[in-house]
């Protein structure tokens, strides 16, 4: 009987020692994890400052101005040269700009508060001249021209003077929370943010086109001498001008999701991470458009000095209206991370639906799009 009691007492004593050991290990592990987390939090900067640059291809700036005579004389050789008056109006292929962002994440918190700005612009001025090399003299004798009598004209020409300016600015104020809970990696994040987006876009352009797309000569006998001939010229000349100013300014609520997942390395020694994000907003604001254009022409009959002049009345409009503009965008890229520094490279797109009125004589809505690569450097402070 005493031996049985001793066995039971030994089993109870073993269970007590086992429970005590497990509890001690659990407390030690918990304390170690807490200390590690506290050390990580202590090392983590509370403020991040980001500066970068971008190169965007801008779409949705409208069609070029095409006066009537370009269509009427589309078969003229001078209007089929490389870089026609319509092609000369193409805006620059890229807009260059910069961006800045400041973020604040309090200690022992998953909340992130940030403010950012993106600004870009493009401008160009072109002068495109095309001219045939045929020369025509005022008088001829025995089939040869008389240089002393001067040049009547060069045959055909078209001159285009074009200027274009475009700018965009986007401001974001957001408050977000890391909802990833380590779902991507130990050093990954998934931040869902709500905020306010402010956007402003503007374009200005002028087009001045002068052309003589046709020229015919008739040989008329001279009254002064039977062997001399005057060259009678028949031709049309045209002048067309257009100016346009367009813009949008709006503000509205926004939502964004930004994620990051470590691929290789660690923040202490250097880490490469995959970054991505998506954003959406509804902007309420004003859409403006102001345009003006006119076209004049001359039909000249040089043999008798008479000419016919016509002028299309000046047209255009000046309008401002309230609009609602949906906006969606996203980006993807890679970042090289350290404890207090980060370098990011990626590609971004932003679409603002029906943001611009690109019509000339009537309203025509167009979606403004920005597509292009970006690069930024971030520095962490505090912690």
Protein backbone atom coordinates (compact mmCIF):
# COMPACT_ATOMS: atom_id res chain seq x y z
CA UNK A 1 0.00 0.00 0.00
CA UNK A 2 2.79 2.41 0.85
CA UNK A 3 4.50 1.63 -2.46
CA UNK A 4 1.30 2.57 -4.38
CA UNK A 5 1.07 5.85 -2.49
CA UNK A 6 4.70 6.60 -3.36
CA UNK A 7 4.05 6.00 -7.08
CA UNK A 8 1.05 8.37 -7.05
CA UNK A 9 3.00 11.03 -5.20
CA UNK A 10 5.85 10.68 -7.77
CA UNK A 11 3.42 11.11 -10.70
CA UNK A 12 1.90 14.24 -9.13
CA UNK A 13 5.35 15.66 -8.49
CA UNK A 14 6.36 15.00 -12.16
CA UNK A 15 3.23 16.75 -13.46
CA UNK A 16 3.94 19.77 -11.26
CA UNK A 17 7.53 19.98 -12.52
CA UNK A 18 6.37 19.57 -16.16
CA UNK A 19 3.72 22.30 -15.86
CA UNK A 20 6.20 24.57 -14.14
CA UNK A 21 8.79 24.05 -16.88
CA UNK A 22 6.29 24.66 -19.73
CA UNK A 23 4.97 27.81 -18.04
CA UNK A 24 8.47 29.13 -17.53
CA UNK A 25 9.36 28.48 -21.17
CA UNK A 26 6.16 30.19 -22.36
CA UNK A 27 6.85 33.23 -20.19
CA UNK A 28 10.43 33.35 -21.41
CA UNK A 29 9.37 33.11 -25.06
CA UNK A 30 6.70 35.76 -24.54
CA UNK A 31 9.19 38.08 -22.88
CA UNK A 32 11.72 37.44 -25.65
CA UNK A 33 9.15 38.20 -28.40
CA UNK A 34 7.99 41.30 -26.55
CA UNK A 35 11.59 42.48 -26.19
CA UNK A 36 12.24 41.79 -29.88
CA UNK A 37 9.11 43.66 -30.91
CA UNK A 38 9.99 46.50 -28.57
CA UNK A 39 13.47 46.59 -30.07
CA UNK A 40 12.02 46.61 -33.61
CA UNK A 41 9.56 49.37 -32.67
CA UNK A 42 12.36 51.31 -31.03
CA UNK A 43 14.44 51.05 -34.22
CA UNK A 44 11.54 51.89 -36.54
CA UNK A 45 11.46 55.57 -37.59
CA UNK A 46 8.27 57.42 -36.78
CA UNK A 47 8.59 59.94 -39.63
CA UNK A 48 9.43 59.22 -43.28
CA UNK A 49 10.30 61.90 -45.84
CA UNK A 50 10.16 60.85 -49.50
CA UNK A 51 11.36 62.76 -52.58
CA UNK A 52 11.26 61.54 -56.15
CA UNK A 53 10.77 62.17 -59.84
CA UNK A 54 8.56 60.82 -62.60
CA UNK A 55 8.21 60.75 -66.38
CA UNK A 56 4.59 60.47 -67.57
CA UNK A 57 3.05 59.93 -70.96
CA UNK A 58 -0.08 62.10 -70.97
CA UNK A 59 -3.18 61.12 -72.96
CA UNK A 60 -6.55 62.79 -73.41
CA UNK A 61 -5.43 66.27 -74.42
CA UNK A 62 -7.71 66.45 -77.46
CA UNK A 63 -7.40 66.40 -81.23
CA UNK A 64 -5.38 68.87 -83.27
CA UNK A 65 -6.96 71.91 -84.95
CA UNK A 66 -7.55 71.28 -88.66
CA UNK A 67 -8.83 74.24 -90.72
CA UNK A 68 -10.98 73.58 -93.78
CA UNK A 69 -8.31 74.30 -96.39
CA UNK A 70 -6.16 71.40 -95.12
CA UNK A 71 -8.98 69.05 -96.08
CA UNK A 72 -9.77 70.80 -99.37
CA UNK A 73 -6.12 70.60 -100.47
CA UNK A 74 -5.22 67.27 -98.90
CA UNK A 75 -3.77 66.10 -102.25
CA UNK A 76 -1.39 69.07 -102.52
CA UNK A 77 2.24 67.94 -102.48
CA UNK A 78 3.22 70.64 -99.99
CA UNK A 79 0.68 69.30 -97.45
CA UNK A 80 2.00 65.76 -97.73
CA UNK A 81 5.46 66.55 -96.43
CA UNK A 82 6.81 64.99 -93.27
CA UNK A 83 5.33 66.64 -90.14
CA UNK A 84 2.19 68.20 -91.58
CA UNK A 85 0.47 71.18 -89.89
CA UNK A 86 -1.77 68.74 -88.00
CA UNK A 87 1.11 66.49 -86.93
CA UNK A 88 3.10 69.53 -85.78
CA UNK A 89 0.44 70.11 -83.11
CA UNK A 90 1.14 66.84 -81.31
CA UNK A 91 1.98 67.58 -77.66
CA UNK A 92 5.33 66.48 -76.17
CA UNK A 93 5.47 62.72 -75.66
CA UNK A 94 6.36 63.01 -71.96
CA UNK A 95 5.69 65.24 -68.99
CA UNK A 96 8.40 65.49 -66.34
CA UNK A 97 7.74 66.20 -62.70
CA UNK A 98 8.53 65.58 -59.07
CA UNK A 99 6.83 64.26 -55.97
CA UNK A 100 7.16 64.60 -52.23
CA UNK A 101 5.58 62.80 -49.29
CA UNK A 102 5.77 62.92 -45.51
CA UNK A 103 4.39 60.09 -43.34
CA UNK A 104 3.99 59.78 -39.58
CA UNK A 105 3.42 56.54 -37.67
CA UNK A 106 3.20 56.90 -33.86
CA UNK A 107 5.08 54.47 -31.63
CA UNK A 108 3.20 51.27 -30.76
CA UNK A 109 0.59 52.01 -33.45
CA UNK A 110 -0.43 50.57 -36.80
CA UNK A 111 -1.87 53.90 -37.96
CA UNK A 112 -0.05 55.90 -40.64
CA UNK A 113 -0.83 59.55 -41.45
CA UNK A 114 0.59 61.06 -44.63
CA UNK A 115 0.49 64.04 -46.98
CA UNK A 116 1.85 63.92 -50.53
CA UNK A 117 2.08 66.07 -53.65
CA UNK A 118 2.85 65.27 -57.30
CA UNK A 119 3.57 67.92 -59.88
CA UNK A 120 4.44 67.68 -63.55
CA UNK A 121 4.59 69.83 -66.65
CA UNK A 122 5.53 69.84 -70.31
CA UNK A 123 5.89 72.55 -72.94
CA UNK A 124 7.19 72.91 -76.45
CA UNK A 125 7.30 75.40 -79.31
CA UNK A 126 7.62 74.29 -82.93
CA UNK A 127 8.12 76.05 -86.23
CA UNK A 128 7.76 73.79 -89.25
CA UNK A 129 8.37 75.28 -92.72
CA UNK A 130 7.92 73.46 -96.03
CA UNK A 131 8.59 75.17 -99.36
CA UNK A 132 9.12 74.01 -102.92
CA UNK A 133 12.26 75.08 -104.76
CA UNK A 134 10.68 76.09 -108.09
CA UNK A 135 11.22 79.78 -108.92
CA UNK A 136 9.03 81.86 -111.22
CA UNK A 137 10.15 85.14 -112.78
CA UNK A 138 8.08 88.10 -113.78
CA UNK A 139 9.11 88.20 -117.45
CA UNK A 140 10.50 85.84 -120.06
CA UNK A 141 12.15 86.50 -123.48
CA UNK A 142 12.55 83.89 -126.19
CA UNK A 143 11.66 81.20 -123.68
CA UNK A 144 14.22 82.30 -121.07
CA UNK A 145 13.59 84.28 -117.92
CA UNK A 146 14.95 87.77 -117.35
CA UNK A 147 16.76 87.83 -113.99
CA UNK A 148 16.79 91.60 -114.00
CA UNK A 149 13.01 91.60 -113.80
CA UNK A 150 12.99 89.84 -110.42
CA UNK A 151 11.47 86.73 -108.96
CA UNK A 152 7.71 86.50 -108.99
CA UNK A 153 7.36 83.73 -106.43
CA UNK A 154 8.42 80.42 -105.10
CA UNK A 155 5.83 77.86 -105.95
CA UNK A 156 4.16 76.49 -102.78
CA UNK A 157 4.72 76.73 -99.04
CA UNK A 158 3.20 75.93 -95.65
CA UNK A 159 4.43 77.40 -92.36
CA UNK A 160 3.23 76.18 -88.95
CA UNK A 161 3.95 77.87 -85.62
CA UNK A 162 2.76 75.85 -82.64
CA UNK A 163 3.09 76.18 -78.86
CA UNK A 164 1.77 73.84 -76.19
CA UNK A 165 1.87 73.89 -72.39
CA UNK A 166 0.48 71.36 -69.93
CA UNK A 167 0.67 70.99 -66.16
CA UNK A 168 -0.83 68.78 -63.44
CA UNK A 169 -0.81 68.78 -59.65
CA UNK A 170 -2.22 66.12 -57.30
CA UNK A 171 -2.37 66.41 -53.50
CA UNK A 172 -3.32 63.58 -51.13
CA UNK A 173 -4.03 63.61 -47.40
CA UNK A 174 -4.62 60.14 -45.94
CA UNK A 175 -4.96 58.19 -42.72
CA UNK A 176 -4.34 54.47 -42.98
CA UNK A 177 -3.87 51.35 -40.91
CA UNK A 178 -1.69 48.32 -41.48
CA UNK A 179 -4.20 45.47 -41.81
CA UNK A 180 -1.73 42.92 -43.17
CA UNK A 181 -1.04 41.19 -39.83
CA UNK A 182 2.08 39.65 -41.36
CA UNK A 183 0.12 37.99 -44.15
CA UNK A 184 2.89 38.54 -46.73
CA UNK A 185 6.11 38.23 -44.73
CA UNK A 186 7.65 39.12 -41.41
CA UNK A 187 8.60 42.57 -42.72
CA UNK A 188 5.62 42.98 -45.07
CA UNK A 189 2.78 45.45 -44.79
CA UNK A 190 -0.68 46.03 -46.17
CA UNK A 191 -1.98 49.52 -45.47
CA UNK A 192 -5.59 50.49 -46.18
CA UNK A 193 -6.09 54.27 -46.24
CA UNK A 194 -8.93 56.78 -46.48
CA UNK A 195 -8.42 60.41 -47.27
CA UNK A 196 -8.93 63.42 -49.52
CA UNK A 197 -7.53 64.00 -53.01
CA UNK A 198 -7.16 67.40 -54.69
CA UNK A 199 -6.32 67.60 -58.41
CA UNK A 200 -5.68 70.42 -60.86
CA UNK A 201 -4.96 70.08 -64.59
CA UNK A 202 -4.46 72.72 -67.29
CA UNK A 203 -3.44 72.93 -70.95
CA UNK A 204 -2.78 75.92 -73.23
CA UNK A 205 -2.05 75.82 -76.94
CA UNK A 206 -1.79 78.17 -79.95
CA UNK A 207 -1.58 77.25 -83.64
CA UNK A 208 -0.74 79.63 -86.50
CA UNK A 209 -0.78 78.14 -90.02
CA UNK A 210 -0.02 79.96 -93.28
CA UNK A 211 -0.03 78.19 -96.63
CA UNK A 212 -0.15 78.49 -100.41
CA UNK A 213 -1.10 74.96 -101.43
CA UNK A 214 -1.55 75.64 -105.16
CA UNK A 215 -0.01 77.81 -107.88
CA UNK A 216 -0.69 77.98 -111.64
CA UNK A 217 1.04 80.14 -114.24
CA UNK A 218 -0.29 81.31 -117.58
CA UNK A 219 2.05 82.81 -120.17
CA UNK A 220 0.63 86.09 -121.50
CA UNK A 221 2.25 87.89 -124.48
CA UNK A 222 3.81 91.22 -123.61
CA UNK A 223 2.44 94.33 -125.29
CA UNK A 224 5.93 95.88 -125.26
CA UNK A 225 7.64 93.26 -127.42
CA UNK A 226 6.29 90.23 -129.27
CA UNK A 227 9.14 88.01 -128.06
CA UNK A 228 8.52 88.77 -124.41
CA UNK A 229 5.95 87.16 -122.18
CA UNK A 230 4.55 87.99 -118.78
CA UNK A 231 3.89 85.20 -116.30
CA UNK A 232 0.38 85.39 -114.93
CA UNK A 233 -0.06 83.68 -111.58
CA UNK A 234 -3.20 82.15 -110.11
CA UNK A 235 -3.03 80.88 -106.54
CA UNK A 236 -4.70 80.65 -103.14
CA UNK A 237 -3.16 81.70 -99.83
CA UNK A 238 -4.56 80.88 -96.41
CA UNK A 239 -4.05 81.91 -92.82
CA UNK A 240 -5.59 79.97 -89.89
CA UNK A 241 -5.20 80.63 -86.17
CA UNK A 242 -6.45 78.81 -83.08
CA UNK A 243 -5.92 79.24 -79.35
CA UNK A 244 -7.29 77.05 -76.57
CA UNK A 245 -7.15 76.99 -72.78
CA UNK A 246 -8.61 74.07 -70.86
CA UNK A 247 -8.58 72.96 -67.25
CA UNK A 248 -10.09 71.03 -64.37
CA UNK A 249 -9.89 71.55 -60.62
CA UNK A 250 -11.57 69.20 -58.13
CA UNK A 251 -11.56 67.67 -54.67
CA UNK A 252 -13.10 64.54 -53.21
CA UNK A 253 -12.79 61.44 -51.01
CA UNK A 254 -10.23 58.78 -51.82
CA UNK A 255 -9.31 55.25 -50.82
CA UNK A 256 -5.97 53.51 -51.32
CA UNK A 257 -4.36 50.16 -50.65
CA UNK A 258 -0.56 49.89 -50.54
CA UNK A 259 1.26 46.62 -49.98
CA UNK A 260 4.84 45.49 -49.62
CA UNK A 261 6.41 42.05 -49.27
CA UNK A 262 10.07 41.28 -48.61
CA UNK A 263 11.72 39.09 -51.24
CA UNK A 264 15.23 38.71 -49.91
CA UNK A 265 17.40 40.09 -47.10
CA UNK A 266 16.48 42.02 -43.97
CA UNK A 267 16.20 45.74 -43.11
CA UNK A 268 19.35 45.73 -40.96
CA UNK A 269 21.61 44.53 -43.79
CA UNK A 270 19.53 45.52 -46.79
CA UNK A 271 16.29 44.11 -48.12
CA UNK A 272 14.62 43.91 -51.53
CA UNK A 273 10.83 44.11 -51.48
CA UNK A 274 8.00 43.96 -53.99
CA UNK A 275 5.69 47.01 -53.70
CA UNK A 276 2.26 47.56 -55.19
CA UNK A 277 -0.79 49.74 -54.70
CA UNK A 278 -4.20 50.76 -56.00
CA UNK A 279 -6.22 53.92 -55.49
CA UNK A 280 -9.65 55.33 -56.32
CA UNK A 281 -11.36 58.67 -55.80
CA UNK A 282 -14.41 60.71 -56.74
CA UNK A 283 -13.57 64.34 -57.51
CA UNK A 284 -16.11 67.15 -57.59
CA UNK A 285 -15.04 70.35 -59.30
CA UNK A 286 -15.08 72.79 -62.21
CA UNK A 287 -14.25 72.05 -65.82
CA UNK A 288 -13.30 75.02 -68.02
CA UNK A 289 -12.67 75.49 -71.73
CA UNK A 290 -11.95 78.64 -73.73
CA UNK A 291 -11.29 78.43 -77.49
CA UNK A 292 -11.02 80.84 -80.43
CA UNK A 293 -10.18 80.26 -84.09
CA UNK A 294 -10.51 81.92 -87.50
CA UNK A 295 -9.48 81.31 -91.11
CA UNK A 296 -8.90 83.74 -94.01
CA UNK A 297 -8.07 83.15 -97.66
CA UNK A 298 -7.07 85.03 -100.81
CA UNK A 299 -7.55 83.98 -104.41
CA UNK A 300 -5.07 85.99 -106.47
CA UNK A 301 -5.14 86.46 -110.24
CA UNK A 302 -1.76 88.09 -110.87
CA UNK A 303 -2.28 88.66 -114.62
CA UNK A 304 -4.77 91.43 -114.00
CA UNK A 305 -3.91 92.18 -110.38
CA UNK A 306 -7.33 91.32 -109.00
CA UNK A 307 -8.00 89.07 -106.01
CA UNK A 308 -10.90 87.60 -104.09
CA UNK A 309 -10.78 87.66 -100.28
CA UNK A 310 -12.88 85.57 -97.95
CA UNK A 311 -12.87 85.17 -94.20
CA UNK A 312 -14.58 82.65 -91.98
CA UNK A 313 -16.05 84.44 -88.97
CA UNK A 314 -14.19 83.96 -85.71
CA UNK A 315 -15.55 81.01 -83.77
CA UNK A 316 -15.02 79.61 -80.30
CA UNK A 317 -16.54 79.39 -76.86
CA UNK A 318 -15.91 80.13 -73.21
CA UNK A 319 -17.57 77.74 -70.79
CA UNK A 320 -17.31 76.57 -67.18
CA UNK A 321 -19.36 73.78 -65.66
CA UNK A 322 -19.57 71.59 -62.56
CA UNK A 323 -18.54 67.98 -63.17
CA UNK A 324 -17.92 64.74 -61.28
CA UNK A 325 -14.72 62.92 -62.22
CA UNK A 326 -14.03 59.29 -61.18
CA UNK A 327 -10.37 58.47 -60.71
CA UNK A 328 -8.58 55.12 -60.52
CA UNK A 329 -4.90 54.27 -60.51
CA UNK A 330 -2.23 51.89 -59.40
CA UNK A 331 1.49 51.18 -59.31
CA UNK A 332 3.96 48.31 -59.05
CA UNK A 333 7.68 48.27 -58.39
CA UNK A 334 10.61 47.27 -56.23
CA UNK A 335 12.25 48.92 -53.25
CA UNK A 336 15.65 48.54 -51.60
CA UNK A 337 15.05 48.92 -47.87
CA UNK A 338 17.18 49.67 -44.85
CA UNK A 339 16.18 50.54 -41.30
CA UNK A 340 16.09 54.28 -41.96
CA UNK A 341 16.27 54.57 -45.74
CA UNK A 342 14.56 53.28 -48.87
CA UNK A 343 15.03 53.58 -52.63
CA UNK A 344 12.01 52.78 -54.83
CA UNK A 345 11.60 52.18 -58.57
CA UNK A 346 8.32 51.45 -60.32
CA UNK A 347 5.66 52.18 -62.92
CA UNK A 348 2.46 54.08 -62.18
CA UNK A 349 -0.82 54.88 -63.95
CA UNK A 350 -3.63 57.31 -63.07
CA UNK A 351 -6.88 57.83 -65.03
CA UNK A 352 -9.29 60.75 -64.56
CA UNK A 353 -12.46 59.95 -66.48
CA UNK A 354 -14.02 62.78 -68.54
CA UNK A 355 -11.89 65.33 -66.72
CA UNK A 356 -11.14 67.58 -69.71
CA UNK A 357 -13.34 69.33 -72.27
CA UNK A 358 -11.22 69.06 -75.43
CA UNK A 359 -13.82 70.24 -77.96
CA UNK A 360 -13.21 73.28 -80.16
CA UNK A 361 -16.72 74.50 -81.09
CA UNK A 362 -18.71 72.02 -78.97
CA UNK A 363 -18.15 70.15 -75.74
CA UNK A 364 -16.20 66.91 -76.01
CA UNK A 365 -15.16 65.07 -72.85
CA UNK A 366 -11.88 63.17 -72.70
CA UNK A 367 -10.26 60.94 -70.10
CA UNK A 368 -6.95 62.33 -68.90
CA UNK A 369 -4.36 59.61 -68.35
CA UNK A 370 -0.85 59.57 -66.89
CA UNK A 371 1.41 56.56 -67.44
CA UNK A 372 5.09 56.27 -66.68
CA UNK A 373 8.05 55.24 -64.52
CA UNK A 374 8.99 56.86 -61.23
CA UNK A 375 11.85 56.73 -58.75
CA UNK A 376 12.08 58.00 -55.16
CA UNK A 377 14.35 58.10 -52.13
CA UNK A 378 12.95 57.95 -48.57
CA UNK A 379 14.66 58.81 -45.29
CA UNK A 380 13.34 57.81 -41.85
CA UNK A 381 13.61 60.06 -38.79
CA UNK A 382 12.93 59.47 -35.12
CA UNK A 383 12.27 56.11 -33.52
